[in-house]
């Protein structure tokens, strides 16, 4: 850990920030502690936070707090700032659009940047068929609208989601989400006609992809009935559930069954989309072409924007006026998205995600080889996780996971935990992070694990 005496009083954001880990106070420092105390008094208790800092700047691979501490960012605001915080092209596009107009409501007075984003989504998402898109504010809102469209298209009510899935915090998306705490407990009753089946979790179920798919399909057919089913929705790599990568053949078999039964297959790519997995979309890794894809997070580099993209005939099922929202496809957010998409396509970020993934897998696989408490290292591209277990039983070890994360955070490394059992540390660094900084962050985590 590097210590300096001086603090940063007026840090610049973006890639101009010094790319160093620098801890000048215990966390939280006095200024952050003051702001967090005000948060406690002013902000609803349900809005929690995991890092004991108040941020004033971020860029490249670092986040700077109000006391001048510079932290290594291995979370990207939960996979949002993939192009890097305050990316120059994105910041310039936001400023230019804000100076022109900030809102008209696309449903009242349309504007070109919304169309630009829709055209980009139609072009970039998997599938060589006619597509259309609609824009919204958040991943949960995109998922909710995808379900609406699928129900309208099929005339059927039921929806299937999977164990360990996460799809949002609205009433319908809470119903789709598997984990009770902290997402669902006390907030019901939830939307009806939502059913859950087991998916593919190779570490814990030991099934091949086709075997896991057959298990799911049998339950769907016997307990729900294909004729009642509008849609199946799944994250190609499950995010909050623990970065669970399905066994080969699982997703393809589910897609084939959906095609044969007139069921809409929805890929929730809110967390996996936009170069995060070393492909523009994770569906490409598994060789599937979803009928609909939901996107958000990385799409606009931190501004609230989300999309639903799908087969044109499905997307056109909703009647005029049936989709939309006052802020959906806000012009400033769309300008940010156009700039971010340009960066994804033209700044080698897909390849950079693959390079980051290689570093993450090499370092974490090496740790696993010497420490049986790491039950599995998994993921693709810059979306990698380590699952911690009791080496004697294989049972999830949430206590160890929390201890490692807490120790790393205290040393100035932003890490996120996840998993149905709370026993997974996930790595989601911005694609703008340098190798040296990434390796330093992994050094801190390795030392924290050794001490735990």
Protein backbone atom coordinates (compact mmCIF):
# COMPACT_ATOMS: atom_id res chain seq x y z
CA UNK A 1 0.00 0.00 0.00
CA UNK A 2 1.41 3.38 -1.02
CA UNK A 3 1.01 6.29 1.39
CA UNK A 4 1.37 10.01 0.70
CA UNK A 5 0.78 13.01 2.91
CA UNK A 6 -0.96 15.37 0.54
CA UNK A 7 -4.61 15.06 -0.49
CA UNK A 8 -6.21 15.89 -3.81
CA UNK A 9 -8.54 18.85 -3.34
CA UNK A 10 -9.73 19.43 -6.91
CA UNK A 11 -9.20 16.21 -8.87
CA UNK A 12 -9.92 16.05 -12.54
CA UNK A 13 -12.09 13.21 -13.78
CA UNK A 14 -11.62 10.98 -16.76
CA UNK A 15 -8.45 9.37 -18.06
CA UNK A 16 -6.35 12.35 -16.93
CA UNK A 17 -6.38 11.06 -13.36
CA UNK A 18 -3.12 9.55 -12.11
CA UNK A 19 -3.49 5.80 -12.49
CA UNK A 20 -2.23 4.84 -9.05
CA UNK A 21 -3.58 3.31 -5.87
CA UNK A 22 -3.07 5.83 -3.12
CA UNK A 23 -4.39 5.60 0.43
CA UNK A 24 -3.92 8.76 2.50
CA UNK A 25 -6.50 8.10 5.22
CA UNK A 26 -8.25 5.14 6.72
CA UNK A 27 -11.53 4.50 4.90
CA UNK A 28 -13.70 6.41 5.30
CA UNK A 29 -11.61 9.54 5.60
CA UNK A 30 -13.00 12.53 7.51
CA UNK A 31 -14.63 14.23 4.53
CA UNK A 32 -16.22 10.99 3.27
CA UNK A 33 -17.36 10.18 6.82
CA UNK A 34 -19.07 13.57 7.01
CA UNK A 35 -20.89 13.03 3.72
CA UNK A 36 -21.89 9.48 4.64
CA UNK A 37 -23.29 10.75 7.94
CA UNK A 38 -25.42 13.22 5.98
CA UNK A 39 -26.51 10.34 3.74
CA UNK A 40 -27.64 8.40 6.78
CA UNK A 41 -29.79 11.33 7.89
CA UNK A 42 -31.18 12.25 4.46
CA UNK A 43 -31.39 9.09 2.35
CA UNK A 44 -33.78 6.17 2.92
CA UNK A 45 -32.13 3.30 4.79
CA UNK A 46 -32.99 0.85 2.02
CA UNK A 47 -30.49 2.60 -0.27
CA UNK A 48 -27.33 0.96 1.07
CA UNK A 49 -23.72 1.20 -0.10
CA UNK A 50 -20.77 -1.18 -0.01
CA UNK A 51 -17.79 1.20 -0.25
CA UNK A 52 -17.01 3.53 2.70
CA UNK A 53 -16.17 6.51 0.49
CA UNK A 54 -17.76 9.50 -1.19
CA UNK A 55 -16.57 9.78 -4.79
CA UNK A 56 -15.43 13.03 -6.41
CA UNK A 57 -13.71 11.78 -9.58
CA UNK A 58 -13.08 8.64 -11.60
CA UNK A 59 -11.36 7.61 -14.81
CA UNK A 60 -9.19 4.95 -16.36
CA UNK A 61 -9.00 2.31 -13.65
CA UNK A 62 -9.32 4.47 -10.53
CA UNK A 63 -11.94 6.14 -8.36
CA UNK A 64 -10.95 9.11 -6.17
CA UNK A 65 -12.78 9.97 -2.96
CA UNK A 66 -13.37 13.24 -1.15
CA UNK A 67 -10.26 12.73 1.01
CA UNK A 68 -7.90 12.17 -1.90
CA UNK A 69 -7.76 8.39 -1.67
CA UNK A 70 -7.32 6.80 -5.10
CA UNK A 71 -8.89 3.35 -5.33
CA UNK A 72 -8.44 0.66 -7.96
CA UNK A 73 -11.79 0.10 -9.65
CA UNK A 74 -12.64 -3.56 -10.25
CA UNK A 75 -16.40 -2.94 -10.37
CA UNK A 76 -17.15 -0.31 -13.05
CA UNK A 77 -20.23 0.81 -11.13
CA UNK A 78 -21.57 -2.75 -11.60
CA UNK A 79 -20.50 -3.13 -15.25
CA UNK A 80 -21.67 0.33 -16.31
CA UNK A 81 -18.52 2.38 -17.03
CA UNK A 82 -17.04 -0.21 -19.36
CA UNK A 83 -15.54 2.38 -21.71
CA UNK A 84 -14.04 4.15 -18.70
CA UNK A 85 -15.48 6.82 -16.47
CA UNK A 86 -15.76 10.27 -18.10
CA UNK A 87 -14.53 8.93 -21.44
CA UNK A 88 -13.59 12.06 -23.45
CA UNK A 89 -15.87 11.29 -26.40
CA UNK A 90 -18.78 10.51 -24.11
CA UNK A 91 -18.26 13.60 -21.95
CA UNK A 92 -18.03 15.81 -25.03
CA UNK A 93 -21.19 14.30 -26.55
CA UNK A 94 -23.09 14.84 -23.29
CA UNK A 95 -21.99 18.47 -23.06
CA UNK A 96 -22.83 19.20 -26.68
CA UNK A 97 -26.30 17.67 -26.45
CA UNK A 98 -27.07 19.34 -23.12
CA UNK A 99 -26.26 22.69 -24.72
CA UNK A 100 -28.75 21.99 -27.54
CA UNK A 101 -31.73 20.55 -25.64
CA UNK A 102 -32.10 18.20 -22.71
CA UNK A 103 -35.61 16.84 -23.30
CA UNK A 104 -38.61 16.92 -25.58
CA UNK A 105 -40.00 13.39 -24.96
CA UNK A 106 -39.48 11.14 -27.96
CA UNK A 107 -43.18 10.26 -27.94
CA UNK A 108 -43.99 13.94 -28.54
CA UNK A 109 -41.14 15.35 -30.62
CA UNK A 110 -38.69 12.70 -31.90
CA UNK A 111 -34.98 13.34 -32.47
CA UNK A 112 -32.24 11.65 -34.46
CA UNK A 113 -30.01 10.34 -31.65
CA UNK A 114 -32.75 7.94 -30.45
CA UNK A 115 -32.95 6.56 -33.99
CA UNK A 116 -29.14 6.34 -34.10
CA UNK A 117 -29.08 4.19 -30.98
CA UNK A 118 -31.90 1.96 -32.23
CA UNK A 119 -30.12 1.45 -35.55
CA UNK A 120 -26.89 0.56 -33.75
CA UNK A 121 -28.67 -1.98 -31.53
CA UNK A 122 -30.41 -3.52 -34.51
CA UNK A 123 -27.07 -3.85 -36.29
CA UNK A 124 -24.92 -5.07 -33.40
CA UNK A 125 -27.15 -7.60 -31.64
CA UNK A 126 -26.93 -11.24 -32.80
CA UNK A 127 -29.27 -12.46 -35.53
CA UNK A 128 -29.35 -11.96 -39.27
CA UNK A 129 -32.99 -10.91 -39.45
CA UNK A 130 -35.01 -7.69 -39.46
CA UNK A 131 -34.98 -6.05 -36.01
CA UNK A 132 -36.45 -3.07 -34.24
CA UNK A 133 -35.68 -1.48 -30.88
CA UNK A 134 -37.32 0.62 -28.19
CA UNK A 135 -35.45 2.62 -25.54
CA UNK A 136 -36.15 2.94 -21.81
CA UNK A 137 -34.43 4.12 -18.63
CA UNK A 138 -33.11 1.05 -16.80
CA UNK A 139 -32.44 -2.64 -17.17
CA UNK A 140 -35.49 -3.52 -15.11
CA UNK A 141 -37.67 -1.32 -17.29
CA UNK A 142 -36.26 -2.99 -20.41
CA UNK A 143 -37.01 -6.45 -19.02
CA UNK A 144 -40.53 -5.44 -18.03
CA UNK A 145 -41.23 -4.10 -21.51
CA UNK A 146 -39.74 -7.18 -23.17
CA UNK A 147 -42.24 -9.30 -21.22
CA UNK A 148 -45.09 -6.98 -22.24
CA UNK A 149 -44.13 -7.28 -25.89
CA UNK A 150 -43.78 -11.07 -25.73
CA UNK A 151 -47.19 -11.44 -24.10
CA UNK A 152 -48.78 -9.18 -26.70
CA UNK A 153 -47.09 -11.05 -29.55
CA UNK A 154 -48.05 -14.54 -28.36
CA UNK A 155 -51.35 -13.85 -26.62
CA UNK A 156 -50.10 -16.03 -23.76
CA UNK A 157 -49.62 -15.04 -20.10
CA UNK A 158 -46.89 -17.21 -18.57
CA UNK A 159 -43.18 -16.40 -18.29
CA UNK A 160 -40.34 -18.69 -17.22
CA UNK A 161 -37.23 -17.47 -15.42
CA UNK A 162 -34.41 -19.52 -13.92
CA UNK A 163 -32.88 -20.30 -10.56
CA UNK A 164 -30.15 -17.80 -9.59
CA UNK A 165 -31.46 -15.24 -12.10
CA UNK A 166 -31.61 -11.50 -11.46
CA UNK A 167 -33.74 -9.19 -13.61
CA UNK A 168 -34.48 -6.07 -11.56
CA UNK A 169 -36.35 -4.45 -8.67
CA UNK A 170 -39.75 -3.48 -10.12
CA UNK A 171 -42.71 -5.63 -9.13
CA UNK A 172 -42.59 -7.81 -12.24
CA UNK A 173 -38.81 -8.06 -12.32
CA UNK A 174 -38.70 -8.92 -8.62
CA UNK A 175 -40.99 -11.82 -9.48
CA UNK A 176 -38.50 -12.89 -12.14
CA UNK A 177 -35.55 -12.51 -9.75
CA UNK A 178 -34.65 -15.58 -7.71
CA UNK A 179 -32.90 -14.28 -4.60
CA UNK A 180 -35.07 -13.14 -1.68
CA UNK A 181 -32.61 -10.98 0.27
CA UNK A 182 -32.06 -8.17 -0.32
CA UNK A 183 -34.19 -7.93 -3.44
CA UNK A 184 -37.64 -9.34 -2.61
CA UNK A 185 -38.20 -9.89 1.11
CA UNK A 186 -41.19 -7.96 2.39
CA UNK A 187 -42.05 -6.38 -0.96
CA UNK A 188 -44.70 -8.82 -2.25
CA UNK A 189 -47.13 -9.90 -3.48
CA UNK A 190 -45.49 -10.11 -6.87
CA UNK A 191 -46.78 -10.21 -10.43
CA UNK A 192 -48.56 -13.47 -11.33
CA UNK A 193 -47.88 -16.02 -14.07
CA UNK A 194 -44.11 -16.05 -13.43
CA UNK A 195 -42.56 -19.50 -13.00
CA UNK A 196 -39.05 -20.59 -12.08
CA UNK A 197 -37.12 -23.67 -13.18
CA UNK A 198 -33.55 -24.84 -12.56
CA UNK A 199 -30.98 -23.80 -15.11
CA UNK A 200 -27.37 -24.94 -15.55
CA UNK A 201 -24.88 -24.51 -12.69
CA UNK A 202 -22.06 -26.94 -13.54
CA UNK A 203 -20.20 -26.60 -10.24
CA UNK A 204 -23.28 -27.56 -8.23
CA UNK A 205 -25.51 -29.70 -10.43
CA UNK A 206 -22.90 -31.77 -12.29
CA UNK A 207 -25.10 -31.95 -15.39
CA UNK A 208 -24.15 -31.53 -19.02
CA UNK A 209 -25.83 -28.72 -20.92
CA UNK A 210 -28.31 -31.01 -22.70
CA UNK A 211 -29.13 -32.78 -19.42
CA UNK A 212 -29.80 -29.50 -17.62
CA UNK A 213 -31.92 -28.27 -20.53
CA UNK A 214 -33.95 -31.49 -20.57
CA UNK A 215 -34.63 -31.10 -16.86
CA UNK A 216 -35.86 -27.54 -17.35
CA UNK A 217 -37.95 -28.36 -20.42
CA UNK A 218 -39.66 -31.28 -18.67
CA UNK A 219 -40.73 -29.02 -15.81
CA UNK A 220 -41.95 -26.36 -18.22
CA UNK A 221 -44.02 -28.82 -20.23
CA UNK A 222 -45.49 -30.64 -17.24
CA UNK A 223 -46.06 -27.76 -14.81
CA UNK A 224 -46.80 -24.82 -17.12
CA UNK A 225 -47.51 -26.07 -20.63
CA UNK A 226 -45.97 -24.67 -23.78
CA UNK A 227 -49.32 -23.39 -25.02
CA UNK A 228 -49.55 -21.08 -21.98
CA UNK A 229 -46.02 -19.73 -22.23
CA UNK A 230 -45.21 -16.34 -23.73
CA UNK A 231 -41.50 -16.15 -23.01
CA UNK A 232 -38.43 -17.69 -21.45
CA UNK A 233 -35.95 -15.16 -20.08
CA UNK A 234 -32.39 -15.84 -18.96
CA UNK A 235 -29.06 -14.07 -18.57
CA UNK A 236 -26.58 -15.90 -20.86
CA UNK A 237 -24.14 -15.61 -17.95
CA UNK A 238 -26.06 -15.09 -14.73
CA UNK A 239 -24.85 -11.95 -12.99
CA UNK A 240 -26.05 -11.36 -9.44
CA UNK A 241 -26.56 -15.11 -9.10
CA UNK A 242 -22.80 -15.63 -9.19
CA UNK A 243 -21.51 -15.17 -12.76
CA UNK A 244 -22.76 -18.67 -13.51
CA UNK A 245 -21.67 -19.85 -16.96
CA UNK A 246 -24.03 -22.54 -18.28
CA UNK A 247 -22.67 -25.82 -19.54
CA UNK A 248 -22.15 -26.10 -23.29
CA UNK A 249 -25.35 -26.87 -25.14
CA UNK A 250 -27.74 -25.66 -22.46
CA UNK A 251 -28.77 -22.34 -23.99
CA UNK A 252 -28.92 -23.76 -27.52
CA UNK A 253 -31.30 -26.51 -26.42
CA UNK A 254 -33.58 -24.00 -24.66
CA UNK A 255 -33.62 -21.77 -27.74
CA UNK A 256 -34.46 -24.72 -30.00
CA UNK A 257 -37.35 -25.74 -27.75
CA UNK A 258 -38.68 -22.17 -27.73
CA UNK A 259 -38.54 -22.01 -31.53
CA UNK A 260 -40.42 -25.31 -31.84
CA UNK A 261 -43.15 -24.13 -29.48
CA UNK A 262 -43.69 -20.51 -30.49
CA UNK A 263 -42.19 -19.21 -27.25
CA UNK A 264 -40.21 -15.95 -27.28
CA UNK A 265 -36.62 -16.44 -26.06
CA UNK A 266 -35.36 -13.31 -24.27
CA UNK A 267 -31.67 -12.89 -23.46
CA UNK A 268 -31.17 -10.46 -20.59
CA UNK A 269 -27.81 -8.93 -21.56
CA UNK A 270 -28.04 -5.96 -19.21
CA UNK A 271 -24.81 -6.97 -17.45
CA UNK A 272 -23.17 -9.08 -20.17
CA UNK A 273 -23.69 -6.71 -23.09
CA UNK A 274 -21.35 -4.29 -24.83
CA UNK A 275 -17.96 -6.02 -24.94
CA UNK A 276 -18.03 -7.04 -21.27
CA UNK A 277 -17.56 -10.76 -22.00
CA UNK A 278 -15.01 -10.39 -24.79
CA UNK A 279 -17.79 -10.41 -27.38
CA UNK A 280 -20.12 -7.54 -28.12
CA UNK A 281 -22.90 -9.68 -26.61
CA UNK A 282 -22.55 -12.87 -24.59
CA UNK A 283 -25.13 -14.62 -26.77
CA UNK A 284 -22.44 -14.73 -29.47
CA UNK A 285 -20.21 -16.86 -27.22
CA UNK A 286 -22.90 -19.53 -26.99
CA UNK A 287 -23.90 -19.35 -30.65
CA UNK A 288 -27.50 -18.33 -29.99
CA UNK A 289 -29.72 -15.73 -31.67
CA UNK A 290 -32.32 -14.53 -29.15
CA UNK A 291 -35.72 -13.36 -30.31
CA UNK A 292 -35.29 -10.36 -28.01
CA UNK A 293 -32.35 -8.88 -26.10
CA UNK A 294 -32.49 -6.43 -23.21
CA UNK A 295 -29.57 -4.02 -22.71
CA UNK A 296 -28.61 -1.26 -20.28
CA UNK A 297 -25.56 -0.67 -18.00
CA UNK A 298 -22.65 -0.24 -20.44
CA UNK A 299 -24.79 1.14 -23.25
CA UNK A 300 -24.43 4.83 -22.26
CA UNK A 301 -21.33 4.83 -20.03
CA UNK A 302 -23.21 5.84 -16.89
CA UNK A 303 -26.25 7.74 -18.12
CA UNK A 304 -29.63 6.05 -17.60
CA UNK A 305 -30.56 4.28 -20.81
CA UNK A 306 -31.80 0.81 -21.72
CA UNK A 307 -33.03 -0.97 -24.78
CA UNK A 308 -35.19 -3.82 -26.00
CA UNK A 309 -34.16 -5.16 -29.40
CA UNK A 310 -35.82 -8.01 -31.20
CA UNK A 311 -37.31 -9.52 -34.30
CA UNK A 312 -39.27 -6.81 -36.07
CA UNK A 313 -42.52 -8.78 -36.14
CA UNK A 314 -42.35 -9.37 -32.40
CA UNK A 315 -41.37 -5.80 -31.57
CA UNK A 316 -44.22 -4.45 -33.71
CA UNK A 317 -46.82 -6.49 -31.80
CA UNK A 318 -47.45 -3.67 -29.33
CA UNK A 319 -50.04 -1.13 -30.49
CA UNK A 320 -49.03 2.51 -31.06
CA UNK A 321 -48.75 4.21 -27.70
CA UNK A 322 -48.32 0.87 -25.91
CA UNK A 323 -44.61 1.40 -25.35
CA UNK A 324 -42.71 4.41 -24.12
CA UNK A 325 -42.23 6.65 -21.12
CA UNK A 326 -41.56 10.31 -20.45
CA UNK A 327 -37.79 9.93 -20.19
CA UNK A 328 -37.22 6.78 -22.27
CA UNK A 329 -34.42 7.44 -24.75
CA UNK A 330 -33.57 10.83 -23.26
CA UNK A 331 -31.52 12.84 -25.81
CA UNK A 332 -28.53 13.38 -23.49
CA UNK A 333 -28.40 9.66 -22.67
CA UNK A 334 -28.72 8.80 -26.36
CA UNK A 335 -25.84 11.12 -27.21
CA UNK A 336 -23.74 9.35 -24.58
CA UNK A 337 -24.73 5.98 -26.03
CA UNK A 338 -23.78 6.95 -29.58
CA UNK A 339 -20.33 7.99 -28.34
CA UNK A 340 -19.94 4.91 -26.14
CA UNK A 341 -20.94 2.55 -28.96
CA UNK A 342 -18.39 4.27 -31.20
CA UNK A 343 -15.74 3.56 -28.56
CA UNK A 344 -16.77 -0.08 -28.25
CA UNK A 345 -16.55 -0.55 -32.00
CA UNK A 346 -13.50 1.54 -32.86
CA UNK A 347 -11.20 1.55 -29.84
CA UNK A 348 -10.52 -2.18 -29.63
CA UNK A 349 -12.57 -2.69 -26.47
CA UNK A 350 -13.81 -6.17 -27.37
CA UNK A 351 -10.19 -7.24 -27.73
CA UNK A 352 -9.27 -5.37 -24.55
CA UNK A 353 -11.95 -7.30 -22.63
CA UNK A 354 -10.35 -10.52 -23.87
CA UNK A 355 -6.91 -9.35 -22.70
CA UNK A 356 -8.29 -8.40 -19.28
CA UNK A 357 -10.02 -11.77 -19.08
CA UNK A 358 -6.76 -13.56 -19.80
CA UNK A 359 -5.06 -11.73 -16.92
CA UNK A 360 -7.95 -12.37 -14.55
CA UNK A 361 -8.19 -16.07 -15.38
CA UNK A 362 -4.43 -16.63 -15.20
CA UNK A 363 -4.07 -14.92 -11.83
CA UNK A 364 -7.20 -16.42 -10.28
CA UNK A 365 -6.56 -19.92 -11.63
CA UNK A 366 -3.10 -19.71 -10.05
CA UNK A 367 -4.67 -18.79 -6.71
CA UNK A 368 -7.15 -21.66 -7.05
CA UNK A 369 -4.35 -24.14 -7.69
CA UNK A 370 -2.81 -23.32 -4.31
CA UNK A 371 -5.94 -22.63 -2.27
CA UNK A 372 -8.78 -25.20 -2.23
CA UNK A 373 -11.11 -22.61 -0.73
CA UNK A 374 -11.60 -21.32 -4.28
CA UNK A 375 -14.10 -23.81 -5.64
CA UNK A 376 -14.24 -22.42 -9.16
CA UNK A 377 -12.99 -19.59 -11.33
CA UNK A 378 -15.36 -18.86 -14.21
CA UNK A 379 -16.46 -16.24 -16.68
CA UNK A 380 -15.63 -14.74 -20.05
CA UNK A 381 -13.72 -11.60 -20.96
CA UNK A 382 -13.75 -8.90 -18.30
CA UNK A 383 -16.58 -10.66 -16.45
CA UNK A 384 -14.89 -13.22 -14.20
CA UNK A 385 -15.67 -14.54 -10.73
CA UNK A 386 -14.20 -16.71 -7.99
CA UNK A 387 -16.55 -18.84 -5.91
CA UNK A 388 -15.40 -19.56 -2.35
CA UNK A 389 -16.26 -22.84 -0.65
CA UNK A 390 -15.50 -25.02 2.34
CA UNK A 391 -12.80 -27.27 0.85
CA UNK A 392 -14.00 -30.27 2.85
CA UNK A 393 -17.65 -30.14 1.83
CA UNK A 394 -17.90 -27.79 -1.16
CA UNK A 395 -20.50 -25.78 0.76
CA UNK A 396 -20.61 -22.04 -0.02
CA UNK A 397 -18.39 -19.92 2.26
CA UNK A 398 -19.97 -16.48 2.47
CA UNK A 399 -17.96 -15.55 5.57
CA UNK A 400 -14.63 -15.99 3.77
CA UNK A 401 -15.94 -14.10 0.76
CA UNK A 402 -17.00 -11.16 2.90
CA UNK A 403 -13.70 -11.12 4.79
CA UNK A 404 -11.63 -11.05 1.60
CA UNK A 405 -13.76 -8.30 0.08
CA UNK A 406 -13.65 -6.20 3.26
CA UNK A 407 -9.87 -6.50 3.51
CA UNK A 408 -9.38 -5.58 -0.15
CA UNK A 409 -11.64 -2.55 0.16
CA UNK A 410 -9.71 -1.34 3.22
CA UNK A 411 -6.54 -1.48 1.10
CA UNK A 412 -8.07 0.62 -1.68
CA UNK A 413 -9.48 -1.95 -4.13
CA UNK A 414 -13.14 -1.79 -5.13
CA UNK A 415 -14.51 -5.32 -5.33
CA UNK A 416 -18.08 -6.59 -5.51
CA UNK A 417 -19.57 -9.75 -4.08
CA UNK A 418 -22.52 -11.66 -5.51
CA UNK A 419 -24.06 -15.11 -5.70
CA UNK A 420 -27.23 -16.68 -4.41
CA UNK A 421 -25.20 -17.89 -1.42
CA UNK A 422 -23.14 -14.70 -1.07
CA UNK A 423 -19.91 -16.59 -1.71
CA UNK A 424 -18.67 -15.12 -4.98
CA UNK A 425 -16.33 -12.20 -5.70
CA UNK A 426 -16.91 -10.81 -9.18
CA UNK A 427 -14.46 -8.86 -11.27
CA UNK A 428 -15.82 -6.20 -13.62
CA UNK A 429 -12.97 -3.75 -14.25
CA UNK A 430 -13.43 -0.92 -16.72
CA UNK A 431 -11.97 -1.82 -20.07
CA UNK A 432 -9.82 1.31 -19.73
CA UNK A 433 -7.82 -0.13 -16.81
CA UNK A 434 -4.10 -0.73 -17.36
CA UNK A 435 -2.43 -4.10 -16.86
CA UNK A 436 -0.22 -2.80 -14.05
CA UNK A 437 -3.13 -1.42 -12.07
CA UNK A 438 -5.21 -4.56 -12.67
CA UNK A 439 -2.40 -6.79 -11.45
CA UNK A 440 -1.86 -4.60 -8.40
CA UNK A 441 -5.53 -4.96 -7.51
CA UNK A 442 -5.24 -8.73 -7.85
CA UNK A 443 -2.12 -8.67 -5.67
CA UNK A 444 -4.15 -6.98 -2.92
CA UNK A 445 -6.92 -9.57 -3.20
CA UNK A 446 -4.43 -12.44 -3.14
CA UNK A 447 -2.85 -11.04 0.02
CA UNK A 448 -6.27 -10.56 1.61
CA UNK A 449 -7.16 -14.18 0.84
CA UNK A 450 -3.89 -15.41 2.33
CA UNK A 451 -4.58 -13.50 5.57
CA UNK A 452 -8.21 -14.67 5.83
